């Protein structure tokens, strides 16, 4: 399926199951490391050394991840390269400007921290497990009684209010409510799965084991989702400027990059538990 509106790249802190995003599961997942100890980067061998030499400073796997995320995790990238992305060939323009690379890398690391709800790329100004509070508030709480479990939600653009059952949240900007990733409306999808009669596909009987009323935790999780999307949308203009600067400046040519060794194209060896005292390599 070709990429559509929204970012060309998303991030997750946890290993995704096969039902993730349009049931494509792990097919389109690119782990940053090839091993659980985070010692072997899932990056073209020699590329980090090449960049470090060009920029005159060490470039880490996280730096490159942040740089790539800044450029690709924005709607400007997918709209500008819509024709090229029709065949799903995602390409990353690689700047030769060290200062620009660092600016993009730092912006992207903050974005990755935000999109993983503070679980990855933490730092002094990116505290672990925290989501920065945004403008949206719970104006009227959703009833916690089983009889009033919400089965519908709506959005009033005029008042910037999101209605969930008898609850109200606001202000919620239209760009936040309509935020999408290749056709998937994030807020609508999140709410749809948590209505009394849930939407979406069911993959097993376990899907029927769910809350019979709206818990307070849902309210907190909804607010955090809205806050994350607020910060994401606010950052789009800055991301566009960085992408523009990269494309207008000097770039590495493909023939200037290291060749891909055959070993890098092979799936890494993984450990499979046999019993509590043994483990064996799985190929």
C-alpha atoms as a PDB file:
ATOM      1  CA  UNK A   1       0.000   0.000   0.000  1.00  0.00           C
ATOM      2  CA  UNK A   2       1.531   3.363  -1.024  1.00  0.00           C
ATOM      3  CA  UNK A   3       2.128   5.967   1.665  1.00  0.00           C
ATOM      4  CA  UNK A   4      -0.671   8.493   2.003  1.00  0.00           C
ATOM      5  CA  UNK A   5      -1.192  11.685   4.038  1.00  0.00           C
ATOM      6  CA  UNK A   6       0.755  12.269   7.230  1.00  0.00           C
ATOM      7  CA  UNK A   7       4.244  11.152   8.278  1.00  0.00           C
ATOM      8  CA  UNK A   8       6.200   8.550   6.334  1.00  0.00           C
ATOM      9  CA  UNK A   9       7.696   7.129   9.528  1.00  0.00           C
ATOM     10  CA  UNK A  10       6.322   6.408  12.998  1.00  0.00           C
ATOM     11  CA  UNK A  11       7.995   5.117  16.149  1.00  0.00           C
ATOM     12  CA  UNK A  12       7.180   2.681  18.946  1.00  0.00           C
ATOM     13  CA  UNK A  13       9.033   1.728  22.103  1.00  0.00           C
ATOM     14  CA  UNK A  14       7.688  -1.833  22.205  1.00  0.00           C
ATOM     15  CA  UNK A  15       8.001  -4.725  19.771  1.00  0.00           C
ATOM     16  CA  UNK A  16       4.936  -4.600  17.540  1.00  0.00           C
ATOM     17  CA  UNK A  17       2.705  -7.585  16.885  1.00  0.00           C
ATOM     18  CA  UNK A  18       1.562  -8.751  13.466  1.00  0.00           C
ATOM     19  CA  UNK A  19      -1.713  -6.814  13.678  1.00  0.00           C
ATOM     20  CA  UNK A  20      -0.030  -3.433  14.052  1.00  0.00           C
ATOM     21  CA  UNK A  21      -1.075  -0.730  11.578  1.00  0.00           C
ATOM     22  CA  UNK A  22      -3.268  -2.130   8.810  1.00  0.00           C
ATOM     23  CA  UNK A  23      -2.298  -5.682   9.851  1.00  0.00           C
ATOM     24  CA  UNK A  24       1.137  -5.273   8.265  1.00  0.00           C
ATOM     25  CA  UNK A  25       2.800  -6.063  11.564  1.00  0.00           C
ATOM     26  CA  UNK A  26       6.560  -6.481  11.579  1.00  0.00           C
ATOM     27  CA  UNK A  27       6.957  -6.386   7.802  1.00  0.00           C
ATOM     28  CA  UNK A  28       7.713  -2.676   7.716  1.00  0.00           C
ATOM     29  CA  UNK A  29       9.509  -2.445  11.069  1.00  0.00           C
ATOM     30  CA  UNK A  30      13.095  -1.161  11.160  1.00  0.00           C
ATOM     31  CA  UNK A  31      14.710  -1.772  14.574  1.00  0.00           C
ATOM     32  CA  UNK A  32      17.526   0.614  15.474  1.00  0.00           C
ATOM     33  CA  UNK A  33      19.673  -2.296  16.686  1.00  0.00           C
ATOM     34  CA  UNK A  34      20.090  -5.851  15.437  1.00  0.00           C
ATOM     35  CA  UNK A  35      20.591  -7.304  18.925  1.00  0.00           C
ATOM     36  CA  UNK A  36      18.819  -7.048  22.278  1.00  0.00           C
ATOM     37  CA  UNK A  37      21.940  -5.662  23.967  1.00  0.00           C
ATOM     38  CA  UNK A  38      21.926  -2.642  21.613  1.00  0.00           C
ATOM     39  CA  UNK A  39      25.519  -3.277  20.560  1.00  0.00           C
ATOM     40  CA  UNK A  40      25.018  -3.879  16.826  1.00  0.00           C
ATOM     41  CA  UNK A  41      23.342  -0.944  15.039  1.00  0.00           C
ATOM     42  CA  UNK A  42      20.920  -1.794  12.250  1.00  0.00           C
ATOM     43  CA  UNK A  43      22.761   0.726  10.065  1.00  0.00           C
ATOM     44  CA  UNK A  44      24.875   0.357   6.937  1.00  0.00           C
ATOM     45  CA  UNK A  45      28.360  -0.652   8.178  1.00  0.00           C
ATOM     46  CA  UNK A  46      30.770   2.228   7.727  1.00  0.00           C
ATOM     47  CA  UNK A  47      28.081   4.912   7.407  1.00  0.00           C
ATOM     48  CA  UNK A  48      28.473   6.294  10.930  1.00  0.00           C
ATOM     49  CA  UNK A  49      32.258   6.487  10.438  1.00  0.00           C
ATOM     50  CA  UNK A  50      31.739   8.302   7.132  1.00  0.00           C
ATOM     51  CA  UNK A  51      29.406  10.841   8.739  1.00  0.00           C
ATOM     52  CA  UNK A  52      31.680  11.297  11.747  1.00  0.00           C
ATOM     53  CA  UNK A  53      34.595  12.092   9.447  1.00  0.00           C
ATOM     54  CA  UNK A  54      32.532  14.501   7.360  1.00  0.00           C
ATOM     55  CA  UNK A  55      31.102  16.383  10.345  1.00  0.00           C
ATOM     56  CA  UNK A  56      34.219  16.306  12.518  1.00  0.00           C
ATOM     57  CA  UNK A  57      32.354  14.768  15.481  1.00  0.00           C
ATOM     58  CA  UNK A  58      31.159  11.335  16.518  1.00  0.00           C
ATOM     59  CA  UNK A  59      27.771  10.335  15.147  1.00  0.00           C
ATOM     60  CA  UNK A  60      25.822   7.759  17.161  1.00  0.00           C
ATOM     61  CA  UNK A  61      23.039   5.443  15.967  1.00  0.00           C
ATOM     62  CA  UNK A  62      20.600   7.596  17.956  1.00  0.00           C
ATOM     63  CA  UNK A  63      21.858  10.723  16.163  1.00  0.00           C
ATOM     64  CA  UNK A  64      21.150   9.165  12.778  1.00  0.00           C
ATOM     65  CA  UNK A  65      17.756   7.910  13.959  1.00  0.00           C
ATOM     66  CA  UNK A  66      16.842  11.409  15.114  1.00  0.00           C
ATOM     67  CA  UNK A  67      17.960  12.928  11.813  1.00  0.00           C
ATOM     68  CA  UNK A  68      15.945  10.457   9.744  1.00  0.00           C
ATOM     69  CA  UNK A  69      12.901  10.876  11.979  1.00  0.00           C
ATOM     70  CA  UNK A  70      12.918  14.652  11.626  1.00  0.00           C
ATOM     71  CA  UNK A  71      12.913  14.444   7.844  1.00  0.00           C
ATOM     72  CA  UNK A  72      10.457  11.575   7.355  1.00  0.00           C
ATOM     73  CA  UNK A  73       8.037  11.902  10.283  1.00  0.00           C
ATOM     74  CA  UNK A  74       6.177  14.869   8.830  1.00  0.00           C
ATOM     75  CA  UNK A  75       3.422  15.425   6.234  1.00  0.00           C
ATOM     76  CA  UNK A  76       5.643  17.698   4.116  1.00  0.00           C
ATOM     77  CA  UNK A  77       7.850  14.762   3.166  1.00  0.00           C
ATOM     78  CA  UNK A  78       4.978  12.576   1.966  1.00  0.00           C
ATOM     79  CA  UNK A  79       3.229  15.402   0.103  1.00  0.00           C
ATOM     80  CA  UNK A  80       6.407  16.630  -1.599  1.00  0.00           C
ATOM     81  CA  UNK A  81       7.491  13.177  -2.704  1.00  0.00           C
ATOM     82  CA  UNK A  82       4.035  11.651  -3.270  1.00  0.00           C
ATOM     83  CA  UNK A  83       4.858  10.532  -6.813  1.00  0.00           C
ATOM     84  CA  UNK A  84       8.157   8.923  -5.811  1.00  0.00           C
ATOM     85  CA  UNK A  85       6.508   7.227  -2.829  1.00  0.00           C
ATOM     86  CA  UNK A  86       3.934   5.575  -5.084  1.00  0.00           C
ATOM     87  CA  UNK A  87       6.196   2.529  -5.266  1.00  0.00           C
ATOM     88  CA  UNK A  88       6.921   2.685  -1.501  1.00  0.00           C
ATOM     89  CA  UNK A  89      10.609   3.427  -2.070  1.00  0.00           C
ATOM     90  CA  UNK A  90      11.427   5.690   0.892  1.00  0.00           C
ATOM     91  CA  UNK A  91      14.713   7.565   0.466  1.00  0.00           C
ATOM     92  CA  UNK A  92      16.479   9.826   2.943  1.00  0.00           C
ATOM     93  CA  UNK A  93      18.411  12.895   1.715  1.00  0.00           C
ATOM     94  CA  UNK A  94      21.694  12.900   3.645  1.00  0.00           C
ATOM     95  CA  UNK A  95      23.168  16.348   4.262  1.00  0.00           C
ATOM     96  CA  UNK A  96      26.890  17.123   4.232  1.00  0.00           C
ATOM     97  CA  UNK A  97      26.344  20.040   6.609  1.00  0.00           C
ATOM     98  CA  UNK A  98      27.352  18.962  10.107  1.00  0.00           C
ATOM     99  CA  UNK A  99      25.507  21.755  11.910  1.00  0.00           C
ATOM    100  CA  UNK A 100      22.316  21.043   9.984  1.00  0.00           C
ATOM    101  CA  UNK A 101      22.656  17.333  10.704  1.00  0.00           C
ATOM    102  CA  UNK A 102      23.001  18.023  14.440  1.00  0.00           C
ATOM    103  CA  UNK A 103      19.992  20.343  14.427  1.00  0.00           C
ATOM    104  CA  UNK A 104      17.865  17.706  12.713  1.00  0.00           C
ATOM    105  CA  UNK A 105      19.212  14.926  14.956  1.00  0.00           C
ATOM    106  CA  UNK A 106      18.377  16.762  18.181  1.00  0.00           C
ATOM    107  CA  UNK A 107      14.917  17.736  16.973  1.00  0.00           C
ATOM    108  CA  UNK A 108      14.235  14.149  15.953  1.00  0.00           C
ATOM    109  CA  UNK A 109      15.439  12.683  19.241  1.00  0.00           C
ATOM    110  CA  UNK A 110      13.014  14.919  21.100  1.00  0.00           C
ATOM    111  CA  UNK A 111      10.259  13.810  18.740  1.00  0.00           C
ATOM    112  CA  UNK A 112      11.129  10.146  19.262  1.00  0.00           C
ATOM    113  CA  UNK A 113      11.053  10.676  23.029  1.00  0.00           C
ATOM    114  CA  UNK A 114       7.638  12.311  22.665  1.00  0.00           C
ATOM    115  CA  UNK A 115       6.211   9.603  20.392  1.00  0.00           C
ATOM    116  CA  UNK A 116       7.362   6.813  22.711  1.00  0.00           C
ATOM    117  CA  UNK A 117       5.764   8.566  25.694  1.00  0.00           C
ATOM    118  CA  UNK A 118       9.125   9.180  27.335  1.00  0.00           C
ATOM    119  CA  UNK A 119      10.340   5.585  27.098  1.00  0.00           C
ATOM    120  CA  UNK A 120      13.173   6.122  24.608  1.00  0.00           C
ATOM    121  CA  UNK A 121      15.991   8.655  24.098  1.00  0.00           C
ATOM    122  CA  UNK A 122      15.569  10.204  27.524  1.00  0.00           C
ATOM    123  CA  UNK A 123      17.846  13.047  28.625  1.00  0.00           C
ATOM    124  CA  UNK A 124      17.969  15.834  31.197  1.00  0.00           C
ATOM    125  CA  UNK A 125      15.386  17.802  29.240  1.00  0.00           C
ATOM    126  CA  UNK A 126      13.542  14.632  28.193  1.00  0.00           C
ATOM    127  CA  UNK A 127      12.552  12.932  31.474  1.00  0.00           C
ATOM    128  CA  UNK A 128      11.734   9.244  31.468  1.00  0.00           C
ATOM    129  CA  UNK A 129       8.089   8.249  31.397  1.00  0.00           C
ATOM    130  CA  UNK A 130       6.752  11.788  31.082  1.00  0.00           C
ATOM    131  CA  UNK A 131       4.516  13.408  28.494  1.00  0.00           C
ATOM    132  CA  UNK A 132       4.627  17.226  28.471  1.00  0.00           C
ATOM    133  CA  UNK A 133       1.232  18.623  29.414  1.00  0.00           C
ATOM    134  CA  UNK A 134      -0.579  20.389  26.597  1.00  0.00           C
ATOM    135  CA  UNK A 135      -3.578  22.685  26.225  1.00  0.00           C
ATOM    136  CA  UNK A 136      -6.333  20.058  26.133  1.00  0.00           C
ATOM    137  CA  UNK A 137      -8.138  19.500  29.440  1.00  0.00           C
ATOM    138  CA  UNK A 138     -10.930  17.267  30.670  1.00  0.00           C
ATOM    139  CA  UNK A 139     -13.713  19.844  30.955  1.00  0.00           C
ATOM    140  CA  UNK A 140     -16.394  17.345  31.986  1.00  0.00           C
ATOM    141  CA  UNK A 141     -15.455  13.863  33.130  1.00  0.00           C
ATOM    142  CA  UNK A 142     -16.757  10.792  31.329  1.00  0.00           C
ATOM    143  CA  UNK A 143     -19.195   8.884  33.525  1.00  0.00           C
ATOM    144  CA  UNK A 144     -17.659   5.813  35.142  1.00  0.00           C
ATOM    145  CA  UNK A 145     -20.948   3.944  35.536  1.00  0.00           C
ATOM    146  CA  UNK A 146     -21.524   0.806  33.499  1.00  0.00           C
ATOM    147  CA  UNK A 147     -24.896   2.072  32.274  1.00  0.00           C
ATOM    148  CA  UNK A 148     -23.355   5.219  30.796  1.00  0.00           C
ATOM    149  CA  UNK A 149     -20.322   3.601  29.149  1.00  0.00           C
ATOM    150  CA  UNK A 150     -19.947   5.756  26.009  1.00  0.00           C
ATOM    151  CA  UNK A 151     -20.792   4.267  22.660  1.00  0.00           C
ATOM    152  CA  UNK A 152     -20.210   7.371  20.582  1.00  0.00           C
ATOM    153  CA  UNK A 153     -18.009  10.431  20.329  1.00  0.00           C
ATOM    154  CA  UNK A 154     -18.110  13.612  18.264  1.00  0.00           C
ATOM    155  CA  UNK A 155     -16.080  16.725  17.563  1.00  0.00           C
ATOM    156  CA  UNK A 156     -17.322  20.320  17.457  1.00  0.00           C
ATOM    157  CA  UNK A 157     -14.821  22.335  15.420  1.00  0.00           C
ATOM    158  CA  UNK A 158     -16.490  25.638  16.315  1.00  0.00           C
ATOM    159  CA  UNK A 159     -15.918  25.248  20.051  1.00  0.00           C
ATOM    160  CA  UNK A 160     -12.845  23.000  19.630  1.00  0.00           C
ATOM    161  CA  UNK A 161     -14.562  20.445  21.878  1.00  0.00           C
ATOM    162  CA  UNK A 162     -14.268  16.672  21.764  1.00  0.00           C
ATOM    163  CA  UNK A 163     -17.337  14.924  23.187  1.00  0.00           C
ATOM    164  CA  UNK A 164     -16.913  11.384  24.529  1.00  0.00           C
ATOM    165  CA  UNK A 165     -20.235  10.100  25.823  1.00  0.00           C
ATOM    166  CA  UNK A 166     -21.233  12.639  28.473  1.00  0.00           C
ATOM    167  CA  UNK A 167     -17.625  13.883  28.816  1.00  0.00           C
ATOM    168  CA  UNK A 168     -15.992  16.900  27.183  1.00  0.00           C
ATOM    169  CA  UNK A 169     -12.357  17.620  26.286  1.00  0.00           C
ATOM    170  CA  UNK A 170     -10.935  20.849  24.964  1.00  0.00           C
ATOM    171  CA  UNK A 171      -9.550  22.835  23.409  1.00  0.00           C
ATOM    172  CA  UNK A 172      -8.757  20.288  20.701  1.00  0.00           C
ATOM    173  CA  UNK A 173      -7.541  21.816  17.456  1.00  0.00           C
ATOM    174  CA  UNK A 174      -8.874  20.384  14.170  1.00  0.00           C
ATOM    175  CA  UNK A 175      -5.336  19.401  13.126  1.00  0.00           C
ATOM    176  CA  UNK A 176      -5.080  17.285  16.275  1.00  0.00           C
ATOM    177  CA  UNK A 177      -8.455  15.595  15.898  1.00  0.00           C
ATOM    178  CA  UNK A 178      -7.874  14.910  12.190  1.00  0.00           C
ATOM    179  CA  UNK A 179      -4.221  13.838  12.552  1.00  0.00           C
ATOM    180  CA  UNK A 180      -3.608  10.812  10.366  1.00  0.00           C
ATOM    181  CA  UNK A 181      -0.928   8.363   9.399  1.00  0.00           C
ATOM    182  CA  UNK A 182      -1.481   7.117   5.851  1.00  0.00           C
ATOM    183  CA  UNK A 183      -5.256   7.147   6.163  1.00  0.00           C
ATOM    184  CA  UNK A 184      -5.493   6.073   9.807  1.00  0.00           C
ATOM    185  CA  UNK A 185      -7.114   8.836  11.884  1.00  0.00           C
ATOM    186  CA  UNK A 186      -5.286   8.474  15.179  1.00  0.00           C
ATOM    187  CA  UNK A 187      -7.763  10.015  17.664  1.00  0.00           C
ATOM    188  CA  UNK A 188     -10.802   8.480  15.972  1.00  0.00           C
ATOM    189  CA  UNK A 189      -9.151   5.066  15.901  1.00  0.00           C
ATOM    190  CA  UNK A 190      -8.106   5.287  19.560  1.00  0.00           C
ATOM    191  CA  UNK A 191     -11.620   6.213  20.644  1.00  0.00           C
ATOM    192  CA  UNK A 192     -13.286   3.688  18.352  1.00  0.00           C
ATOM    193  CA  UNK A 193     -11.455   0.808  19.988  1.00  0.00           C
ATOM    194  CA  UNK A 194     -12.602   1.993  23.432  1.00  0.00           C
ATOM    195  CA  UNK A 195     -16.301   2.507  22.806  1.00  0.00           C
ATOM    196  CA  UNK A 196     -18.829   0.143  24.362  1.00  0.00           C
ATOM    197  CA  UNK A 197     -19.277  -1.482  20.962  1.00  0.00           C
ATOM    198  CA  UNK A 198     -15.715  -1.285  19.753  1.00  0.00           C
ATOM    199  CA  UNK A 199     -14.691  -0.732  16.168  1.00  0.00           C
ATOM    200  CA  UNK A 200     -11.853  -2.445  14.327  1.00  0.00           C
ATOM    201  CA  UNK A 201     -11.084  -6.045  13.550  1.00  0.00           C
ATOM    202  CA  UNK A 202     -11.142  -8.768  16.175  1.00  0.00           C
ATOM    203  CA  UNK A 203      -8.221 -11.154  16.067  1.00  0.00           C
ATOM    204  CA  UNK A 204      -9.134 -13.529  18.913  1.00  0.00           C
ATOM    205  CA  UNK A 205     -11.648 -14.117  21.757  1.00  0.00           C
ATOM    206  CA  UNK A 206      -9.269 -12.109  23.956  1.00  0.00           C
ATOM    207  CA  UNK A 207     -10.607  -8.973  22.256  1.00  0.00           C
ATOM    208  CA  UNK A 208     -13.883  -9.511  24.098  1.00  0.00           C
ATOM    209  CA  UNK A 209     -12.179  -9.263  27.489  1.00  0.00           C
ATOM    210  CA  UNK A 210     -12.434  -5.558  28.130  1.00  0.00           C
ATOM    211  CA  UNK A 211     -13.605  -2.950  30.604  1.00  0.00           C
ATOM    212  CA  UNK A 212     -17.351  -2.704  31.212  1.00  0.00           C
ATOM    213  CA  UNK A 213     -17.149   0.979  32.131  1.00  0.00           C
ATOM    214  CA  UNK A 214     -14.959   3.970  31.290  1.00  0.00           C
ATOM    215  CA  UNK A 215     -12.055   3.978  33.775  1.00  0.00           C
ATOM    216  CA  UNK A 216     -10.187   7.127  34.800  1.00  0.00           C
ATOM    217  CA  UNK A 217      -7.092   5.666  33.175  1.00  0.00           C
ATOM    218  CA  UNK A 218      -8.762   6.041  29.769  1.00  0.00           C
ATOM    219  CA  UNK A 219      -9.250   9.744  30.436  1.00  0.00           C
ATOM    220  CA  UNK A 220      -5.580  10.162  31.324  1.00  0.00           C
ATOM    221  CA  UNK A 221      -4.462   8.188  28.274  1.00  0.00           C
ATOM    222  CA  UNK A 222      -6.707  10.228  25.983  1.00  0.00           C
ATOM    223  CA  UNK A 223      -5.294  13.489  27.352  1.00  0.00           C
ATOM    224  CA  UNK A 224      -1.733  12.246  26.866  1.00  0.00           C
ATOM    225  CA  UNK A 225      -2.543  11.264  23.282  1.00  0.00           C
ATOM    226  CA  UNK A 226      -3.965  14.728  22.606  1.00  0.00           C
ATOM    227  CA  UNK A 227      -0.901  16.361  24.186  1.00  0.00           C
ATOM    228  CA  UNK A 228       1.486  14.270  22.099  1.00  0.00           C
ATOM    229  CA  UNK A 229      -0.384  15.186  18.928  1.00  0.00           C
ATOM    230  CA  UNK A 230      -0.461  18.868  19.928  1.00  0.00           C
ATOM    231  CA  UNK A 231       3.328  18.953  20.236  1.00  0.00           C
ATOM    232  CA  UNK A 232       3.696  16.951  17.035  1.00  0.00           C
ATOM    233  CA  UNK A 233       1.570  19.365  14.996  1.00  0.00           C
ATOM    234  CA  UNK A 234       3.331  22.363  16.552  1.00  0.00           C
ATOM    235  CA  UNK A 235       6.660  20.989  15.335  1.00  0.00           C
ATOM    236  CA  UNK A 236       5.661  20.529  11.685  1.00  0.00           C
ATOM    237  CA  UNK A 237       6.716  24.041  10.528  1.00  0.00           C
ATOM    238  CA  UNK A 238      10.180  23.589  12.063  1.00  0.00           C
ATOM    239  CA  UNK A 239      10.493  20.137  10.479  1.00  0.00           C
ATOM    240  CA  UNK A 240       9.552  21.574   7.094  1.00  0.00           C
ATOM    241  CA  UNK A 241      12.246  24.252   7.415  1.00  0.00           C
ATOM    242  CA  UNK A 242      14.857  21.619   8.230  1.00  0.00           C
ATOM    243  CA  UNK A 243      13.779  19.462   5.273  1.00  0.00           C
ATOM    244  CA  UNK A 244      13.917  22.504   2.975  1.00  0.00           C
ATOM    245  CA  UNK A 245      17.414  23.376   4.203  1.00  0.00           C
ATOM    246  CA  UNK A 246      18.631  19.804   3.692  1.00  0.00           C
ATOM    247  CA  UNK A 247      17.276  19.635   0.144  1.00  0.00           C
ATOM    248  CA  UNK A 248      18.704  23.044  -0.753  1.00  0.00           C
ATOM    249  CA  UNK A 249      22.171  22.221   0.577  1.00  0.00           C
ATOM    250  CA  UNK A 250      24.913  19.779  -0.390  1.00  0.00           C
ATOM    251  CA  UNK A 251      23.976  16.119  -0.161  1.00  0.00           C
ATOM    252  CA  UNK A 252      25.861  12.846  -0.232  1.00  0.00           C
ATOM    253  CA  UNK A 253      25.536  10.994  -3.525  1.00  0.00           C
ATOM    254  CA  UNK A 254      24.646   7.310  -3.420  1.00  0.00           C
ATOM    255  CA  UNK A 255      28.022   6.337  -4.883  1.00  0.00           C
ATOM    256  CA  UNK A 256      29.767   8.121  -1.986  1.00  0.00           C
ATOM    257  CA  UNK A 257      28.266   5.791   0.596  1.00  0.00           C
ATOM    258  CA  UNK A 258      29.765   2.431   1.648  1.00  0.00           C
ATOM    259  CA  UNK A 259      28.659  -0.658  -0.237  1.00  0.00           C
ATOM    260  CA  UNK A 260      26.176  -2.900   1.530  1.00  0.00           C
ATOM    261  CA  UNK A 261      27.889  -6.166   2.613  1.00  0.00           C
ATOM    262  CA  UNK A 262      25.949  -9.405   2.216  1.00  0.00           C
ATOM    263  CA  UNK A 263      26.014 -10.005   5.984  1.00  0.00           C
ATOM    264  CA  UNK A 264      24.065  -6.786   6.567  1.00  0.00           C
ATOM    265  CA  UNK A 265      21.244  -8.083   4.382  1.00  0.00           C
ATOM    266  CA  UNK A 266      20.797 -11.207   6.494  1.00  0.00           C
ATOM    267  CA  UNK A 267      18.464 -11.410   9.470  1.00  0.00           C
ATOM    268  CA  UNK A 268      20.388 -11.377  12.773  1.00  0.00           C
ATOM    269  CA  UNK A 269      20.675 -14.456  14.930  1.00  0.00           C
ATOM    270  CA  UNK A 270      18.243 -14.430  17.838  1.00  0.00           C
ATOM    271  CA  UNK A 271      18.069 -16.360  21.075  1.00  0.00           C
ATOM    272  CA  UNK A 272      15.119 -18.684  21.580  1.00  0.00           C
ATOM    273  CA  UNK A 273      14.440 -19.970  25.074  1.00  0.00           C
ATOM    274  CA  UNK A 274      14.417 -23.760  25.359  1.00  0.00           C
ATOM    275  CA  UNK A 275      14.010 -24.084  29.118  1.00  0.00           C
ATOM    276  CA  UNK A 276      15.043 -22.154  32.203  1.00  0.00           C
ATOM    277  CA  UNK A 277      18.640 -23.353  31.961  1.00  0.00           C
ATOM    278  CA  UNK A 278      19.244 -23.329  28.211  1.00  0.00           C
ATOM    279  CA  UNK A 279      18.946 -21.151  25.168  1.00  0.00           C
ATOM    280  CA  UNK A 280      19.675 -21.949  21.569  1.00  0.00           C
ATOM    281  CA  UNK A 281      20.372 -19.892  18.483  1.00  0.00           C
ATOM    282  CA  UNK A 282      17.536 -19.560  16.034  1.00  0.00           C
ATOM    283  CA  UNK A 283      18.398 -18.767  12.415  1.00  0.00           C
END
